[in-house]
Amino acid sequence: MPKTIEIRPLARDDKRNDFSCGQADIDRYFQHYAGQNQFKLHLAVNYVAVANRSILGFATISASSIERLNVPSKRMQIRLPDYPLPVLRLARLGVDIKTQGQGIGKALLRHVLGLAFKQRDQVGCIGVLVDAKPEAVNFYESMGFIPVEGVVEGLLHGQPLPMFLPMGTLAQSVP
């Protein structure tokens, strides 16, 4: 990983066209739609990992909710009220091909988990929900995420698999 890496919100003048994580749909989103979704539509915020003015990776987050019965913890299902529960959604995470395997993805995820703590304390949050690409499921499982039950699509069709990390597990994951 580069010695000095900064993680910050995407700026309007950030150069996104050179970014490529090797997945066309993620590259297309970041190059063409990330700015519109953040600055015009206010649907999400994109955090970028930057070194020497180069974008090494990004994470897209938004506020979301999960139904109590979809929370993959029976203990939490019993304790929580029966209405939509606030979560932080990690919709996309991509690391440029040139810097993959250097810890950029983990650094971005650690940053997102820190944002979930802030959301918990400021507006409420019971955990982080991620839309995991099939090839990233093992990465998220290694970080404590659990597949959300009741999903019919998912890996069978190559679609993202919703996975959940409760705040209790998250507290143990973040130093």
Protein backbone atom coordinates (compact mmCIF):
# COMPACT_ATOMS: atom_id res chain seq x y z
CA MET A 1 0.00 0.00 0.00
CA PRO A 2 1.32 3.49 -0.77
CA LYS A 3 2.86 5.21 2.25
CA THR A 4 0.39 8.11 2.30
CA ILE A 5 -3.16 7.30 1.42
CA GLU A 6 -6.07 9.62 2.02
CA ILE A 7 -9.67 8.44 2.20
CA ARG A 8 -12.16 11.21 1.54
CA PRO A 9 -15.43 11.92 -0.26
CA LEU A 10 -15.24 12.08 -4.04
CA ALA A 11 -14.67 15.64 -5.28
CA ARG A 12 -16.27 17.02 -8.42
CA ASP A 13 -12.90 17.52 -10.10
CA ASP A 14 -11.47 14.06 -9.30
CA LYS A 15 -10.27 12.28 -12.43
CA ARG A 16 -12.27 9.06 -12.65
CA ASN A 17 -11.73 8.05 -16.29
CA ASP A 18 -8.41 6.26 -15.65
CA PHE A 19 -9.85 4.08 -12.88
CA SER A 20 -10.31 0.39 -13.65
CA CYS A 21 -10.89 -2.42 -11.19
CA GLY A 22 -11.31 -4.99 -13.95
CA GLN A 23 -15.10 -5.29 -13.60
CA ALA A 24 -16.89 -3.40 -16.36
CA ASP A 25 -20.07 -2.69 -14.39
CA ILE A 26 -18.19 -1.24 -11.41
CA ASP A 27 -15.88 0.78 -13.67
CA ARG A 28 -18.86 2.12 -15.63
CA TYR A 29 -20.65 3.16 -12.44
CA PHE A 30 -17.62 4.96 -11.04
CA GLN A 31 -16.64 6.69 -14.29
CA HIS A 32 -20.12 7.73 -15.43
CA TYR A 33 -22.63 7.67 -12.56
CA ALA A 34 -20.83 8.15 -9.24
CA GLY A 35 -20.66 11.93 -9.61
CA GLN A 36 -24.29 12.24 -10.70
CA ASN A 37 -25.51 10.03 -7.84
CA GLN A 38 -23.48 12.00 -5.30
CA PHE A 39 -23.65 15.61 -6.45
CA LYS A 40 -26.92 15.87 -8.40
CA LEU A 41 -29.27 13.19 -7.11
CA HIS A 42 -27.83 12.86 -3.57
CA LEU A 43 -28.44 9.10 -3.57
CA ALA A 44 -25.06 8.03 -2.25
CA VAL A 45 -21.62 9.24 -1.23
CA ASN A 46 -18.49 7.83 -2.84
CA TYR A 47 -15.36 7.68 -0.70
CA VAL A 48 -12.09 7.50 -2.59
CA ALA A 49 -8.68 6.26 -1.55
CA VAL A 50 -6.17 8.68 -3.05
CA ALA A 51 -2.38 8.79 -3.24
CA ASN A 52 -0.41 11.29 -5.33
CA ARG A 53 -3.69 12.63 -6.78
CA SER A 54 -4.50 9.16 -8.18
CA ILE A 55 -7.66 7.30 -7.21
CA LEU A 56 -6.65 3.85 -5.95
CA GLY A 57 -10.12 2.67 -4.97
CA PHE A 58 -13.59 3.76 -3.98
CA ALA A 59 -16.54 2.74 -1.82
CA THR A 60 -20.12 3.85 -2.43
CA ILE A 61 -22.38 4.10 0.61
CA SER A 62 -25.95 5.15 1.28
CA ALA A 63 -28.50 5.06 4.04
CA SER A 64 -30.76 2.03 3.86
CA SER A 65 -32.91 -0.25 5.94
CA ILE A 66 -33.49 -3.92 6.55
CA GLU A 67 -36.61 -5.71 7.74
CA ARG A 68 -36.31 -7.36 11.15
CA LEU A 69 -37.02 -10.84 9.74
CA ASN A 70 -34.18 -10.44 7.20
CA VAL A 71 -31.59 -9.77 9.89
CA PRO A 72 -29.51 -12.99 9.93
CA SER A 73 -29.35 -13.16 13.72
CA LYS A 74 -32.24 -14.82 15.56
CA ARG A 75 -31.17 -13.05 18.76
CA MET A 76 -31.41 -9.66 17.05
CA GLN A 77 -34.74 -10.58 15.43
CA ILE A 78 -36.23 -11.21 18.86
CA ARG A 79 -34.89 -7.95 20.36
CA LEU A 80 -35.62 -5.56 17.51
CA PRO A 81 -38.94 -3.87 16.69
CA ASP A 82 -40.99 -4.97 13.68
CA TYR A 83 -40.38 -2.05 11.31
CA PRO A 84 -37.62 -1.14 8.85
CA LEU A 85 -34.33 -0.89 10.72
CA PRO A 86 -31.57 1.59 9.78
CA VAL A 87 -28.35 0.26 8.24
CA LEU A 88 -25.46 1.69 6.29
CA ARG A 89 -25.38 0.13 2.82
CA LEU A 90 -22.08 -0.49 1.09
CA ALA A 91 -23.31 -0.60 -2.49
CA ARG A 92 -19.99 -0.78 -4.34
CA LEU A 93 -16.32 -1.21 -3.57
CA GLY A 94 -13.63 -1.22 -6.22
CA VAL A 95 -9.83 -1.14 -6.18
CA ASP A 96 -7.82 -0.14 -9.23
CA ILE A 97 -6.07 -3.07 -10.92
CA LYS A 98 -2.68 -1.40 -10.36
CA THR A 99 -3.12 -1.46 -6.57
CA GLN A 100 -5.14 -4.63 -5.94
CA GLY A 101 -3.73 -6.84 -3.19
CA GLN A 102 -2.14 -3.92 -1.34
CA GLY A 103 -4.79 -3.47 1.38
CA ILE A 104 -6.73 -0.64 -0.29
CA GLY A 105 -10.03 -2.57 -0.16
CA LYS A 106 -9.58 -3.33 3.55
CA ALA A 107 -8.69 0.30 4.24
CA LEU A 108 -11.84 1.48 2.45
CA LEU A 109 -13.97 -1.09 4.27
CA ARG A 110 -12.45 -0.05 7.62
CA HIS A 111 -13.37 3.56 6.77
CA VAL A 112 -16.95 2.54 5.94
CA LEU A 113 -17.24 0.63 9.21
CA GLY A 114 -16.10 3.76 11.05
CA LEU A 115 -18.84 5.70 9.26
CA ALA A 116 -21.36 3.10 10.45
CA PHE A 117 -20.33 3.83 14.06
CA LYS A 118 -20.90 7.53 13.47
CA GLN A 119 -24.28 6.82 11.90
CA ARG A 120 -25.19 4.62 14.89
CA ASP A 121 -24.40 7.43 17.30
CA GLN A 122 -25.91 10.27 15.26
CA VAL A 123 -29.01 8.86 13.54
CA GLY A 124 -29.22 5.14 14.34
CA CYS A 125 -27.72 2.08 12.67
CA ILE A 126 -27.87 -1.62 13.52
CA GLY A 127 -25.16 -2.72 11.07
CA VAL A 128 -23.75 -2.66 7.56
CA LEU A 129 -25.45 -4.25 4.57
CA VAL A 130 -23.27 -4.99 1.54
CA ASP A 131 -24.17 -6.05 -1.98
CA ALA A 132 -21.35 -8.59 -2.42
CA LYS A 133 -20.33 -9.65 -5.90
CA PRO A 134 -19.92 -13.44 -6.10
CA GLU A 135 -16.12 -13.15 -6.30
CA ALA A 136 -16.05 -10.94 -3.17
CA VAL A 137 -18.20 -13.12 -0.88
CA ASN A 138 -15.16 -14.79 0.73
CA PHE A 139 -13.60 -11.37 1.44
CA TYR A 140 -16.74 -10.16 3.21
CA GLU A 141 -17.19 -13.44 5.09
CA SER A 142 -13.60 -13.09 6.36
CA MET A 143 -14.61 -9.69 7.74
CA GLY A 144 -17.60 -11.16 9.62
CA PHE A 145 -20.43 -10.49 7.15
CA ILE A 146 -23.24 -13.07 7.04
CA PRO A 147 -25.45 -13.77 3.99
CA VAL A 148 -28.96 -12.39 4.39
CA GLU A 149 -31.45 -15.28 4.45
CA GLY A 150 -34.41 -15.52 2.14
CA VAL A 151 -32.57 -14.31 -0.95
CA VAL A 152 -33.58 -16.37 -3.97
CA GLU A 153 -31.23 -14.71 -6.44
CA GLY A 154 -27.62 -14.24 -5.54
CA LEU A 155 -24.76 -16.48 -6.51
CA LEU A 156 -26.86 -18.77 -8.70
CA HIS A 157 -27.39 -15.98 -11.19
CA GLY A 158 -24.15 -14.06 -10.65
CA GLN A 159 -25.99 -11.22 -8.94
CA PRO A 160 -24.77 -9.48 -5.78
CA LEU A 161 -25.48 -11.37 -2.57
CA PRO A 162 -26.78 -9.21 0.30
CA MET A 163 -24.61 -9.73 3.38
CA PHE A 164 -24.96 -8.18 6.83
CA LEU A 165 -22.52 -7.22 9.58
CA PRO A 166 -24.24 -6.41 12.91
CA MET A 167 -22.91 -3.53 15.02
CA GLY A 168 -21.84 -5.99 17.74
CA THR A 169 -19.60 -7.90 15.32
CA LEU A 170 -18.54 -4.63 13.74
CA ALA A 171 -17.36 -3.37 17.14
CA GLN A 172 -15.03 -6.38 17.34
CA SER A 173 -13.77 -5.85 13.74
CA VAL A 174 -12.73 -2.22 13.98
CA PRO A 175 -9.70 -1.37 16.13
